[in-house]
Protein backbone atom coordinates (compact mmCIF):
# COMPACT_ATOMS: atom_id res chain seq x y z
CA MET A 1 -96.99 83.03 33.51
CA LYS A 2 -98.97 86.16 32.37
CA LEU A 3 -102.06 88.01 34.02
CA TRP A 4 -104.06 86.62 31.53
CA GLY A 5 -102.59 82.90 31.34
CA GLY A 6 -105.07 80.63 33.24
CA ARG A 7 -106.58 79.40 29.37
CA PHE A 8 -103.08 78.55 27.72
CA ALA A 9 -101.19 75.82 28.23
CA LYS A 10 -97.63 76.82 27.65
CA ASP A 11 -96.24 80.16 27.46
CA THR A 12 -95.70 82.28 24.26
CA ASP A 13 -92.95 82.41 22.23
CA ALA A 14 -90.40 85.12 22.10
CA LEU A 15 -90.93 86.00 18.72
CA THR A 16 -94.38 86.64 19.89
CA ASP A 17 -93.57 88.71 22.65
CA HIS A 18 -91.84 90.88 20.90
CA PHE A 19 -94.33 91.41 17.89
CA ASN A 20 -97.35 91.44 20.47
CA SER A 21 -95.84 94.23 22.79
CA SER A 22 -96.02 97.30 22.84
CA ILE A 23 -94.00 98.59 25.83
CA SER A 24 -91.21 99.86 23.40
CA PHE A 25 -93.60 103.39 22.78
CA ASP A 26 -96.43 103.33 25.35
CA ALA A 27 -94.47 103.25 28.41
CA ARG A 28 -94.85 107.22 28.11
CA LEU A 29 -98.75 106.37 29.27
CA TYR A 30 -97.71 105.85 32.29
CA LYS A 31 -98.64 108.78 34.31
CA GLN A 32 -102.35 108.89 32.69
CA ASP A 33 -102.28 105.08 33.40
CA ILE A 34 -101.86 105.30 36.81
CA LEU A 35 -103.91 108.55 37.61
CA GLY A 36 -107.08 106.55 35.83
CA SER A 37 -106.39 103.53 37.87
CA ILE A 38 -106.15 105.66 40.83
CA ALA A 39 -109.80 107.02 40.05
CA HIS A 40 -111.14 103.81 39.17
CA VAL A 41 -110.13 101.82 42.19
CA MET A 42 -111.61 104.97 44.58
CA MET A 43 -114.60 104.81 42.52
CA LEU A 44 -114.80 101.15 43.19
CA GLY A 45 -114.17 101.69 46.89
CA LYS A 46 -117.26 103.91 47.25
CA GLN A 47 -119.09 101.68 45.55
CA ASN A 48 -118.63 98.80 47.51
CA ILE A 49 -117.15 96.83 44.58
CA ILE A 50 -113.71 96.69 46.68
CA LYS A 51 -113.46 97.77 50.24
CA GLU A 52 -112.56 101.23 50.73
CA GLU A 53 -109.43 100.35 52.88
CA GLU A 54 -107.96 98.39 49.56
CA ALA A 55 -109.00 101.06 47.30
CA VAL A 56 -106.61 102.98 49.70
CA THR A 57 -103.55 100.80 49.82
CA ILE A 58 -104.04 100.11 46.08
CA LYS A 59 -104.45 104.46 45.33
CA GLU A 60 -101.00 104.45 47.51
CA GLY A 61 -99.14 101.65 46.04
CA LEU A 62 -99.47 103.53 42.61
CA LEU A 63 -98.69 106.52 43.57
CA SER A 64 -95.34 105.68 45.21
CA LEU A 65 -95.00 103.76 41.85
CA LEU A 66 -95.54 106.60 39.83
CA GLN A 67 -92.97 108.96 41.51
CA ASP A 68 -90.48 106.00 41.18
CA ILE A 69 -90.95 105.78 37.44
CA GLU A 70 -90.79 109.69 37.48
CA GLU A 71 -87.35 109.23 39.03
CA GLY A 72 -86.16 106.37 36.60
CA TYR A 73 -86.21 103.59 39.67
CA VAL A 74 -88.66 101.54 37.31
CA GLU A 75 -87.89 99.36 34.40
CA PHE A 76 -90.44 97.84 32.34
CA ASN A 77 -90.37 94.55 31.13
CA VAL A 78 -91.45 93.35 27.32
CA LYS A 79 -93.12 90.27 28.51
CA ALA A 80 -95.29 92.11 30.48
CA GLU A 81 -96.30 93.54 26.70
CA ASP A 82 -97.90 97.21 27.43
CA ILE A 83 -97.64 99.58 30.16
CA HIS A 84 -101.07 98.24 31.76
CA MET A 85 -99.89 95.00 32.40
CA ASN A 86 -96.57 96.20 33.62
CA ILE A 87 -97.91 98.83 35.73
CA GLU A 88 -100.41 95.92 37.28
CA THR A 89 -97.22 93.92 37.85
CA LEU A 90 -95.06 96.11 39.21
CA LEU A 91 -97.57 96.83 41.96
CA ILE A 92 -98.84 93.06 42.86
CA HIS A 93 -94.86 92.39 43.63
CA ARG A 94 -94.67 95.79 45.49
CA ILE A 95 -98.42 95.38 47.55
CA GLY A 96 -99.19 92.00 47.06
CA ASP A 97 -102.37 90.14 45.98
CA VAL A 98 -104.58 93.28 47.06
CA ALA A 99 -103.51 94.58 43.40
CA LYS A 100 -105.22 92.29 41.28
CA LYS A 101 -108.48 93.49 42.25
CA MET A 102 -107.81 96.78 40.70
CA HIS A 103 -108.93 95.65 37.47
CA THR A 104 -112.28 94.78 38.45
CA GLY A 105 -115.08 96.10 36.26
CA ARG A 106 -112.38 97.15 33.39
CA SER A 107 -110.69 95.89 30.55
CA ARG A 108 -107.34 96.58 28.90
CA ASN A 109 -109.75 97.76 25.92
CA ASP A 110 -111.56 100.89 27.73
CA GLN A 111 -108.39 101.57 29.67
CA VAL A 112 -105.88 102.33 26.93
CA ALA A 113 -109.37 104.14 25.43
CA LEU A 114 -108.79 106.39 28.56
CA ASP A 115 -105.14 106.36 28.98
CA MET A 116 -105.09 108.23 24.77
CA ARG A 117 -108.09 110.52 25.85
CA LEU A 118 -105.93 112.01 28.90
CA TYR A 119 -102.70 111.89 26.84
CA VAL A 120 -104.02 113.88 23.86
CA MET A 121 -105.95 116.11 25.85
CA GLU A 122 -102.79 116.91 27.98
CA GLU A 123 -100.51 117.53 24.83
CA ILE A 124 -103.39 119.61 23.09
CA LEU A 125 -102.86 122.23 26.02
CA ALA A 126 -99.05 122.16 25.69
CA ILE A 127 -99.69 122.51 21.67
CA LYS A 128 -102.11 125.05 22.14
CA ASP A 129 -99.80 127.25 24.52
CA MET A 130 -96.78 127.31 21.59
CA LEU A 131 -99.01 127.88 18.93
CA HIS A 132 -100.31 131.05 21.14
CA HIS A 133 -96.69 131.76 21.42
CA LEU A 134 -95.99 131.85 18.17
CA MET A 135 -99.05 133.59 17.12
CA SER A 136 -97.74 136.88 19.46
CA VAL A 137 -94.98 136.29 17.91
CA ILE A 138 -96.28 137.31 14.43
CA THR A 139 -98.71 139.95 15.84
CA ASP A 140 -95.40 141.67 17.69
CA ILE A 141 -93.73 141.54 14.21
CA ALA A 142 -96.48 142.91 12.31
CA ASN A 143 -96.63 145.60 14.78
CA GLU A 144 -93.82 147.19 13.70
CA HIS A 145 -93.96 146.69 9.96
CA THR A 146 -97.86 148.49 8.97
CA GLU A 147 -96.13 150.76 7.07
CA THR A 148 -93.18 148.25 5.47
CA ILE A 149 -94.01 147.94 1.62
CA MET A 150 -93.61 144.84 -0.04
CA PRO A 151 -95.11 143.32 -3.41
CA GLY A 152 -97.93 141.05 -2.91
CA TYR A 153 -97.73 137.79 -5.30
CA THR A 154 -99.77 135.20 -7.47
CA HIS A 155 -98.45 132.73 -9.23
CA LEU A 156 -95.45 133.88 -7.41
CA GLN A 157 -95.24 136.60 -9.97
CA ARG A 158 -95.57 140.75 -8.24
CA ALA A 159 -98.74 141.28 -8.47
CA GLN A 160 -100.08 144.33 -6.01
CA PRO A 161 -98.17 146.38 -3.27
CA ILE A 162 -99.16 145.14 0.32
CA THR A 163 -97.36 145.70 3.48
CA PHE A 164 -94.97 142.98 5.29
CA ALA A 165 -97.73 143.08 8.20
CA HIS A 166 -100.83 142.52 6.00
CA HIS A 167 -98.44 139.33 4.60
CA LEU A 168 -98.03 137.81 8.30
CA MET A 169 -101.19 138.69 9.52
CA ALA A 170 -102.61 135.93 7.14
CA TYR A 171 -100.37 133.75 8.59
CA PHE A 172 -101.92 134.64 11.79
CA GLU A 173 -104.99 133.87 10.58
CA MET A 174 -104.21 130.74 9.19
CA PHE A 175 -102.79 129.51 12.72
CA LYS A 176 -106.16 131.53 14.30
CA ARG A 177 -108.05 128.52 12.84
CA ASP A 178 -105.79 125.66 13.85
CA TYR A 179 -105.91 127.20 17.96
CA LYS A 180 -109.96 126.74 17.43
CA LYS A 181 -109.48 123.13 15.62
CA LEU A 182 -107.45 122.00 18.60
CA GLU A 183 -110.12 123.39 20.93
CA PHE A 184 -113.19 121.48 19.10
CA THR A 185 -110.82 118.18 19.12
CA TYR A 186 -110.61 118.59 22.88
CA GLU A 187 -113.97 118.60 23.48
CA MET A 188 -114.64 115.63 21.34
CA THR A 189 -111.82 114.17 23.28
CA SER A 190 -113.43 114.87 26.61
CA SER A 191 -115.67 111.83 26.97
CA LEU A 192 -114.80 108.82 29.04
CA PRO A 193 -114.25 105.54 27.66
CA LEU A 194 -114.09 104.13 30.95
CA GLY A 195 -116.64 101.29 31.91
CA SER A 196 -117.06 100.24 28.57
CA GLY A 197 -115.19 97.15 29.59
CA ALA A 198 -114.13 94.97 26.51
CA LEU A 199 -116.86 96.15 24.77
CA ALA A 200 -120.60 95.20 26.57
CA THR A 201 -119.67 97.12 30.10
CA THR A 202 -119.99 95.28 33.13
CA THR A 203 -122.35 93.93 35.96
CA TYR A 204 -120.85 95.78 38.59
CA PRO A 205 -122.35 98.97 39.48
CA LEU A 206 -120.10 101.67 38.40
CA ASP A 207 -120.41 105.33 38.96
CA ARG A 208 -118.73 106.52 35.37
CA GLN A 209 -119.63 109.78 36.05
CA ALA A 210 -117.70 109.90 39.35
CA VAL A 211 -114.55 108.98 37.37
CA ALA A 212 -115.39 111.46 34.30
CA ASP A 213 -115.16 114.18 37.41
CA ALA A 214 -112.41 112.88 39.01
CA LEU A 215 -110.42 112.66 35.51
CA GLY A 216 -111.79 116.32 34.34
CA PHE A 217 -114.07 114.51 31.65
CA LYS A 218 -116.89 116.54 30.48
CA GLU A 219 -119.03 113.41 29.71
CA VAL A 220 -119.38 109.45 29.40
CA CYS A 221 -119.14 107.93 26.66
CA ALA A 222 -122.63 106.93 25.59
CA ASN A 223 -122.05 103.62 23.57
CA SER A 224 -119.65 101.16 25.29
CA ILE A 225 -118.71 99.71 22.06
CA ASP A 226 -117.58 103.13 20.55
CA GLY A 227 -116.59 103.94 23.64
CA VAL A 228 -113.43 100.61 22.70
CA SER A 229 -113.80 101.11 19.31
CA ASP A 230 -112.86 105.31 18.98
CA ARG A 231 -110.26 106.13 17.64
CA ASP A 232 -111.57 109.64 15.88
CA PHE A 233 -109.91 111.88 18.50
CA CYS A 234 -106.67 110.70 17.17
CA ILE A 235 -107.77 111.33 13.94
CA ASP A 236 -109.12 114.35 14.52
CA LEU A 237 -105.89 115.72 16.26
CA LEU A 238 -103.07 114.04 13.54
CA SER A 239 -105.85 116.21 10.87
CA ASN A 240 -105.30 119.70 12.86
CA LEU A 241 -101.60 118.96 12.96
CA SER A 242 -101.03 117.80 9.51
CA THR A 243 -103.57 121.19 8.53
CA MET A 244 -100.51 123.21 11.10
CA MET A 245 -97.61 121.92 9.56
CA MET A 246 -99.05 122.31 6.06
CA HIS A 247 -99.10 126.41 7.58
CA LEU A 248 -95.58 126.01 8.55
CA SER A 249 -95.20 124.64 5.49
CA ARG A 250 -96.18 127.62 3.36
CA PHE A 251 -94.91 130.05 5.77
CA SER A 252 -91.45 128.23 5.56
CA GLU A 253 -91.34 128.03 1.81
CA GLU A 254 -91.51 131.82 1.78
CA ILE A 255 -88.81 132.21 4.44
CA ILE A 256 -86.76 130.58 2.61
CA LEU A 257 -87.28 132.40 -0.63
CA TRP A 258 -87.25 135.50 1.58
CA SER A 259 -83.72 135.08 2.53
CA SER A 260 -82.37 134.31 -0.89
CA HIS A 261 -79.78 136.74 -2.47
CA GLU A 262 -82.32 136.98 -5.44
CA PHE A 263 -85.46 138.80 -2.99
CA HIS A 264 -83.51 139.78 0.33
CA PHE A 265 -86.76 140.48 1.69
CA ILE A 266 -85.44 139.03 5.19
CA GLU A 267 -81.88 138.02 7.12
CA LEU A 268 -82.28 135.03 9.44
CA ASP A 269 -79.96 135.20 12.45
CA ASP A 270 -77.06 133.09 12.70
CA ALA A 271 -78.37 130.79 15.57
CA TYR A 272 -81.16 129.65 13.03
CA SER A 273 -79.05 129.03 9.83
CA THR A 274 -76.23 126.99 8.75
CA GLY A 275 -73.08 127.07 6.82
CA SER A 276 -71.90 124.42 3.76
CA SER A 277 -69.04 121.86 4.30
CA ILE A 278 -67.42 122.92 0.99
CA MET A 279 -68.75 126.31 0.03
CA PRO A 280 -67.90 128.97 2.81
CA GLN A 281 -70.20 131.98 1.31
CA LYS A 282 -73.27 130.23 2.31
CA LYS A 283 -75.76 130.77 5.14
CA ASN A 284 -78.80 128.26 4.22
CA PRO A 285 -82.11 128.37 6.13
CA ASP A 286 -82.17 124.91 7.00
CA ILE A 287 -84.72 125.11 10.06
CA ALA A 288 -87.33 126.67 7.64
CA GLU A 289 -86.53 123.39 4.92
CA LEU A 290 -86.89 120.75 8.09
CA VAL A 291 -89.94 122.11 8.92
CA ARG A 292 -91.42 122.31 5.43
CA GLY A 293 -89.88 118.47 5.02
CA LYS A 294 -91.19 117.38 8.11
CA CYS A 295 -94.82 118.16 6.94
CA GLY A 296 -94.87 115.38 5.28
CA ARG A 297 -94.12 113.04 8.33
CA VAL A 298 -96.83 114.54 9.91
CA TYR A 299 -99.28 113.54 6.69
CA GLY A 300 -98.07 110.08 6.76
CA ASP A 301 -98.84 109.83 10.64
CA LEU A 302 -101.98 110.90 9.39
CA ILE A 303 -102.82 108.30 6.40
CA GLY A 304 -101.18 105.74 8.32
CA LEU A 305 -103.79 106.08 10.88
CA LEU A 306 -106.67 106.13 8.38
CA SER A 307 -105.45 103.69 6.51
CA THR A 308 -105.44 101.54 10.02
CA MET A 309 -108.52 102.28 10.86
CA LYS A 310 -110.48 101.84 7.77
CA SER A 311 -111.85 98.59 7.74
CA LEU A 312 -111.68 97.36 11.31
CA PRO A 313 -114.99 95.86 12.58
CA LEU A 314 -116.51 96.02 15.80
CA ALA A 315 -115.06 96.26 18.37
CA TYR A 316 -111.72 96.19 19.56
CA ASN A 317 -108.70 94.89 17.59
CA LYS A 318 -105.17 94.66 17.88
CA ASP A 319 -104.66 96.65 14.79
CA MET A 320 -105.63 99.59 17.24
CA GLN A 321 -101.86 99.50 18.83
CA GLU A 322 -100.91 101.47 15.73
CA ASP A 323 -102.50 104.37 17.12
CA LYS A 324 -99.24 105.13 19.25
CA GLU A 325 -96.78 105.28 17.31
CA ARG A 326 -98.72 107.24 14.79
CA THR A 327 -100.19 109.62 16.90
CA PHE A 328 -97.26 110.31 19.25
CA ASP A 329 -94.67 110.94 16.86
CA ALA A 330 -96.82 113.38 15.32
CA ILE A 331 -97.01 115.44 18.13
CA ASP A 332 -93.56 114.77 18.99
CA THR A 333 -92.96 116.67 15.59
CA ILE A 334 -94.86 119.17 15.72
CA LYS A 335 -93.88 120.30 19.58
CA MET A 336 -90.31 120.19 18.10
CA CYS A 337 -91.17 122.37 15.19
CA LEU A 338 -93.17 125.38 16.53
CA PRO A 339 -90.90 126.51 18.89
CA ILE A 340 -87.73 126.51 16.81
CA PHE A 341 -89.81 128.50 14.23
CA THR A 342 -91.49 130.65 16.42
CA ALA A 343 -87.84 131.85 17.88
CA MET A 344 -86.37 131.69 13.78
CA LEU A 345 -89.43 134.10 13.06
CA GLN A 346 -88.39 136.31 15.83
CA THR A 347 -84.81 136.67 15.39
CA MET A 348 -85.05 137.85 11.47
CA THR A 349 -84.28 140.93 10.32
CA VAL A 350 -86.67 142.66 7.71
CA CYS A 351 -85.02 144.26 4.99
CA LYS A 352 -87.32 146.91 4.51
CA GLU A 353 -85.29 148.66 1.20
CA ALA A 354 -85.40 145.02 -0.99
CA MET A 355 -89.25 144.89 -0.34
CA TYR A 356 -89.92 148.52 -1.54
CA LYS A 357 -87.99 148.39 -4.40
CA ALA A 358 -89.07 144.94 -5.28
CA ALA A 359 -92.63 146.44 -4.87
CA SER A 360 -91.70 149.47 -7.17
CA GLY A 361 -90.90 146.49 -10.37
CA GLY A 362 -93.48 144.84 -11.93
CA PHE A 363 -96.08 147.33 -11.86
CA THR A 364 -97.91 146.47 -9.00
CA ASN A 365 -99.62 149.60 -8.83
CA ALA A 366 -100.91 149.07 -12.71
CA THR A 367 -104.48 147.72 -11.01
CA ASP A 368 -104.35 151.08 -9.46
CA ALA A 369 -103.74 152.64 -12.24
CA ALA A 370 -106.82 151.19 -13.76
CA ASP A 371 -109.11 152.14 -11.04
CA TYR A 372 -108.03 155.98 -11.76
CA LEU A 373 -109.78 155.70 -14.97
CA VAL A 374 -112.56 154.09 -13.59
CA LYS A 375 -113.31 156.85 -11.26
CA LYS A 376 -112.51 159.34 -14.23
CA GLY A 377 -115.61 157.28 -15.46
CA LEU A 378 -114.15 154.63 -17.74
CA ALA A 379 -115.57 150.98 -17.68
CA PHE A 380 -113.20 149.15 -15.73
CA ARG A 381 -112.94 146.52 -19.00
CA ASP A 382 -111.74 149.37 -21.40
CA ALA A 383 -109.87 150.90 -18.22
CA HIS A 384 -107.78 147.49 -18.14
CA GLU A 385 -107.14 147.40 -22.10
CA VAL A 386 -105.62 151.03 -21.41
CA ILE A 387 -103.59 149.96 -18.77
CA GLY A 388 -102.81 146.90 -20.59
CA LYS A 389 -101.12 148.84 -23.49
CA LEU A 390 -99.44 151.22 -21.30
CA VAL A 391 -97.84 148.46 -19.46
CA LEU A 392 -96.80 147.04 -22.93
CA HIS A 393 -95.26 150.30 -23.91
CA CYS A 394 -93.36 150.98 -20.67
CA VAL A 395 -91.37 147.06 -21.30
CA THR A 396 -91.06 147.97 -24.97
CA HIS A 397 -89.38 151.27 -23.81
CA SER A 398 -87.48 149.64 -20.53
CA THR A 399 -89.32 151.96 -18.12
CA ASP A 400 -92.51 151.73 -15.75
CA LEU A 401 -95.18 153.71 -14.73
CA GLU A 402 -94.05 156.37 -12.49
CA ASN A 403 -91.69 157.75 -14.79
CA LEU A 404 -93.59 157.84 -17.63
CA SER A 405 -94.46 161.35 -19.02
CA LEU A 406 -97.92 162.98 -19.04
CA GLU A 407 -97.55 162.85 -22.65
CA ALA A 408 -96.79 159.34 -22.88
CA TYR A 409 -100.03 159.06 -20.95
CA LYS A 410 -102.28 160.85 -23.29
CA ALA A 411 -100.87 158.82 -26.11
CA ILE A 412 -102.57 156.18 -25.31
CA HIS A 413 -106.09 158.02 -23.74
CA PRO A 414 -106.38 161.86 -23.07
CA ILE A 415 -108.48 160.70 -19.81
CA PHE A 416 -105.08 161.19 -17.72
CA GLU A 417 -104.58 164.16 -15.96
CA GLU A 418 -101.28 164.97 -13.14
CA ASP A 419 -102.51 163.36 -10.47
CA ILE A 420 -102.10 159.80 -12.19
CA TYR A 421 -99.05 159.98 -10.21
CA GLU A 422 -100.60 160.59 -7.06
CA ALA A 423 -102.57 157.86 -7.59
CA ILE A 424 -100.30 155.18 -8.89
CA ARG A 425 -97.49 155.71 -5.74
CA LEU A 426 -97.20 152.93 -3.85
CA THR A 427 -98.18 154.31 -0.64
CA THR A 428 -101.26 155.50 -2.27
CA CYS A 429 -101.94 152.04 -3.54
CA VAL A 430 -101.67 150.68 -0.06
CA ASN A 431 -103.59 153.14 2.05
CA GLU A 432 -106.54 153.52 -0.52
CA ARG A 433 -107.18 149.74 0.15
CA ARG A 434 -109.23 150.70 3.39
CA VAL A 435 -111.62 147.90 2.58
CA LYS A 436 -112.28 145.45 6.04
CA GLY A 437 -109.54 142.68 5.72
CA GLY A 438 -107.19 145.09 3.40
CA PRO A 439 -103.53 146.07 3.47
CA SER A 440 -104.00 149.59 4.45
CA LYS A 441 -102.49 150.73 7.60
CA GLU A 442 -105.41 151.42 9.39
CA ALA A 443 -107.43 147.90 7.75
CA VAL A 444 -103.92 146.48 9.43
CA LEU A 445 -104.51 147.97 12.82
CA ASP A 446 -108.24 146.65 13.04
CA HIS A 447 -107.30 143.62 12.38
CA LEU A 448 -104.10 143.67 14.74
CA LYS A 449 -106.06 144.59 17.45
CA ALA A 450 -109.03 142.10 16.78
CA ALA A 451 -105.83 139.75 16.94
CA HIS A 452 -104.87 140.85 20.23
CA ALA A 453 -108.42 140.85 21.70
CA PHE A 454 -108.28 136.88 20.59
CA LEU A 455 -104.69 136.28 21.90
CA GLU A 456 -106.15 137.74 25.38
CA GLN A 457 -109.33 135.47 25.84
CA SER A 458 -107.32 132.96 24.84
CA LYS A 459 -104.85 132.81 27.40
């Protein structure tokens, strides 16, 4: 007989049991379910809703059950439907009828909302740690490459010279935003739903704040209907993780490009590359490709949960059981991607010469040549046209701005002097960009200093 079976004249069909059951995936919530139940029953005892000695007996039984689950001695039963009913059924078998008092003043509706919030809060902390490590690795690599010149790109065409450090720190900023979003989502999740009941609280004199304090929640859900209906915290987390995966995917795309023979900006470590079953020369960036591919998977988890929630009337509906697999999958995916991506990044070799050579081609210093003319008194639009003509001349004659003779410069415009060559040197182009947020060594070192301060205060 099921714990809710009093109203029913016969057992549910086996197909119904299988279809209705969530224990195959919500079993991972056992710890949160037990800890939530302990806080609940201890509050029931203090409020004289049940006897204090009964609360202690239930607590001890739950702690013993928790230990046995973690040591692999417990097997869950699909007929008990979910983790909540499994825990309660197992506890009744262990300590007898006193365990039946554990569910006083609560519903599975507020119980599952509690378990999911506890789980999400715990996983946010774990993901933040992984993200913090990735950001630390980025700053470590950037520190080594404040003078490593490479081309910056727009439209995947060489645009202006920058440093590898400057490029890497763009990703640091992306991940810093991800980190801050996780902090905000944690704060929004830290609201206790337990005590909301099925939707309308209870007539028992519960002390919800005591339970919130015991479980580490910042506050209590202010509306019982919202308490059991809300899955915004899951959606917020999946949104955060989707953006984070997008950032990892963009970074992976560049790793894939940079490691190709055409770029050869980096060399991936053998430990984070794979080969071909037919082509013996191949060294494939499969880790980066898989991270890029898994981005779409996390997007799917977000869209799936949004689609589930979009038409649900208040309060709880069984559709909301679909929140778990989506949330679990997205969390599992990001926790798999972050460590291996970080290790791949940390072990790669940077090919400085190839980067510099690429920056030397493609007229990446053309803007600086135009700025040179502006500083000589030309309007920028006129300077732009002059340099455009010079670039066309270079393309036609298979040369570049650095190797063009001063006579050729003056043939286009007499304002050019010998100092043009210093103005368009790549190191000059980079280090004259001292504006806050720019690629000069001075500006990047300032950025790194702020980044280290952020990482230090975020520990």
